[in-house]
């Protein structure tokens, strides 16, 4: 991962609660990593290899992130913030 910024506590809390704007912001924050994970190498008819983003895989990864949001351990994040 490159220098991506983790969403702030308020955004994470809202995303865990299912707020659409917050879920979209979390997915946007991790979009670069999602794209990296969904990148595949495809051989072209001329024999060269091209890296492309597999859109189905990208959507699958984003959906897995969204599905996992309600189980995010907010308590651990709150403990870290109090230190």
C-alpha atoms as a PDB file:
ATOM      1  CA  UNK A   1       0.000   0.000   0.000  1.00  0.00           C
ATOM      2  CA  UNK A   2       1.116   3.486  -0.677  1.00  0.00           C
ATOM      3  CA  UNK A   3       0.579   6.483   1.572  1.00  0.00           C
ATOM      4  CA  UNK A   4      -3.155   6.112   1.963  1.00  0.00           C
ATOM      5  CA  UNK A   5      -4.790   7.827   4.867  1.00  0.00           C
ATOM      6  CA  UNK A   6      -6.968   5.818   7.210  1.00  0.00           C
ATOM      7  CA  UNK A   7     -10.447   7.299   7.633  1.00  0.00           C
ATOM      8  CA  UNK A   8     -10.972   9.269  10.834  1.00  0.00           C
ATOM      9  CA  UNK A   9     -12.770   7.743  13.823  1.00  0.00           C
ATOM     10  CA  UNK A  10     -16.032   9.579  13.130  1.00  0.00           C
ATOM     11  CA  UNK A  11     -16.150   8.230   9.554  1.00  0.00           C
ATOM     12  CA  UNK A  12     -15.340   4.675  10.657  1.00  0.00           C
ATOM     13  CA  UNK A  13     -17.965   4.837  13.399  1.00  0.00           C
ATOM     14  CA  UNK A  14     -20.569   6.061  10.902  1.00  0.00           C
ATOM     15  CA  UNK A  15     -19.576   3.374   8.365  1.00  0.00           C
ATOM     16  CA  UNK A  16     -19.909   0.645  10.996  1.00  0.00           C
ATOM     17  CA  UNK A  17     -23.390   2.037  11.725  1.00  0.00           C
ATOM     18  CA  UNK A  18     -24.233   1.741   8.022  1.00  0.00           C
ATOM     19  CA  UNK A  19     -24.241   5.405   7.010  1.00  0.00           C
ATOM     20  CA  UNK A  20     -24.018   5.387   3.202  1.00  0.00           C
ATOM     21  CA  UNK A  21     -21.781   8.465   2.955  1.00  0.00           C
ATOM     22  CA  UNK A  22     -19.293   6.940   5.393  1.00  0.00           C
ATOM     23  CA  UNK A  23     -19.258   3.544   3.694  1.00  0.00           C
ATOM     24  CA  UNK A  24     -18.535   5.294   0.389  1.00  0.00           C
ATOM     25  CA  UNK A  25     -15.726   7.299   2.004  1.00  0.00           C
ATOM     26  CA  UNK A  26     -14.106   4.156   3.470  1.00  0.00           C
ATOM     27  CA  UNK A  27     -14.266   2.370   0.112  1.00  0.00           C
ATOM     28  CA  UNK A  28     -12.842   5.470  -1.575  1.00  0.00           C
ATOM     29  CA  UNK A  29      -9.999   5.573   0.941  1.00  0.00           C
ATOM     30  CA  UNK A  30      -9.010   2.001   0.107  1.00  0.00           C
ATOM     31  CA  UNK A  31      -9.720   2.235  -3.644  1.00  0.00           C
ATOM     32  CA  UNK A  32      -6.044   2.273  -4.598  1.00  0.00           C
ATOM     33  CA  UNK A  33      -5.399  -0.947  -2.676  1.00  0.00           C
ATOM     34  CA  UNK A  34      -8.571  -2.544  -4.024  1.00  0.00           C
ATOM     35  CA  UNK A  35      -7.433  -1.730  -7.564  1.00  0.00           C
ATOM     36  CA  UNK A  36      -3.976  -3.131  -6.853  1.00  0.00           C
ATOM     37  CA  UNK A  37      -5.447  -6.366  -5.519  1.00  0.00           C
ATOM     38  CA  UNK A  38      -7.782  -6.658  -8.543  1.00  0.00           C
ATOM     39  CA  UNK A  39      -5.032  -6.150 -11.110  1.00  0.00           C
ATOM     40  CA  UNK A  40      -4.402  -9.167 -13.296  1.00  0.00           C
ATOM     41  CA  UNK A  41      -2.023  -9.883 -16.134  1.00  0.00           C
ATOM     42  CA  UNK A  42      -3.660 -10.702 -19.477  1.00  0.00           C
ATOM     43  CA  UNK A  43      -1.865 -12.011 -22.509  1.00  0.00           C
ATOM     44  CA  UNK A  44      -2.706 -10.034 -25.620  1.00  0.00           C
ATOM     45  CA  UNK A  45      -3.166 -11.581 -29.088  1.00  0.00           C
ATOM     46  CA  UNK A  46       0.294 -10.331 -30.100  1.00  0.00           C
ATOM     47  CA  UNK A  47       1.864 -12.212 -27.162  1.00  0.00           C
ATOM     48  CA  UNK A  48       2.510  -9.226 -24.930  1.00  0.00           C
ATOM     49  CA  UNK A  49       1.238  -9.138 -21.370  1.00  0.00           C
ATOM     50  CA  UNK A  50      -0.868  -6.244 -20.142  1.00  0.00           C
ATOM     51  CA  UNK A  51      -1.900  -5.485 -16.565  1.00  0.00           C
ATOM     52  CA  UNK A  52      -5.582  -4.612 -16.264  1.00  0.00           C
ATOM     53  CA  UNK A  53      -8.036  -4.235 -13.425  1.00  0.00           C
ATOM     54  CA  UNK A  54     -10.529  -7.083 -13.369  1.00  0.00           C
ATOM     55  CA  UNK A  55     -13.769  -5.178 -12.740  1.00  0.00           C
ATOM     56  CA  UNK A  56     -15.602  -8.208 -11.323  1.00  0.00           C
ATOM     57  CA  UNK A  57     -12.778  -8.844  -8.881  1.00  0.00           C
ATOM     58  CA  UNK A  58     -12.654  -5.157  -7.942  1.00  0.00           C
ATOM     59  CA  UNK A  59     -16.369  -5.139  -7.191  1.00  0.00           C
ATOM     60  CA  UNK A  60     -16.045  -8.388  -5.209  1.00  0.00           C
ATOM     61  CA  UNK A  61     -13.247  -6.984  -3.048  1.00  0.00           C
ATOM     62  CA  UNK A  62     -15.157  -3.746  -2.430  1.00  0.00           C
ATOM     63  CA  UNK A  63     -18.261  -5.726  -1.426  1.00  0.00           C
ATOM     64  CA  UNK A  64     -16.205  -7.837   1.000  1.00  0.00           C
ATOM     65  CA  UNK A  65     -14.927  -4.630   2.591  1.00  0.00           C
ATOM     66  CA  UNK A  66     -18.462  -3.277   2.892  1.00  0.00           C
ATOM     67  CA  UNK A  67     -19.737  -6.564   4.349  1.00  0.00           C
ATOM     68  CA  UNK A  68     -16.945  -6.554   6.940  1.00  0.00           C
ATOM     69  CA  UNK A  69     -17.573  -2.997   8.167  1.00  0.00           C
ATOM     70  CA  UNK A  70     -20.244  -3.924  10.772  1.00  0.00           C
ATOM     71  CA  UNK A  71     -17.731  -6.242  12.472  1.00  0.00           C
ATOM     72  CA  UNK A  72     -14.979  -3.618  12.725  1.00  0.00           C
ATOM     73  CA  UNK A  73     -13.614  -3.619  16.301  1.00  0.00           C
ATOM     74  CA  UNK A  74     -14.412  -0.041  17.303  1.00  0.00           C
ATOM     75  CA  UNK A  75     -13.456  -0.769  20.917  1.00  0.00           C
ATOM     76  CA  UNK A  76      -9.833  -1.375  19.925  1.00  0.00           C
ATOM     77  CA  UNK A  77      -9.744   1.872  17.950  1.00  0.00           C
ATOM     78  CA  UNK A  78     -11.202   3.743  20.930  1.00  0.00           C
ATOM     79  CA  UNK A  79      -8.554   2.253  23.255  1.00  0.00           C
ATOM     80  CA  UNK A  80      -5.773   3.356  20.909  1.00  0.00           C
ATOM     81  CA  UNK A  81      -7.193   6.872  20.838  1.00  0.00           C
ATOM     82  CA  UNK A  82      -7.100   7.112  24.656  1.00  0.00           C
ATOM     83  CA  UNK A  83      -3.386   6.280  24.870  1.00  0.00           C
END
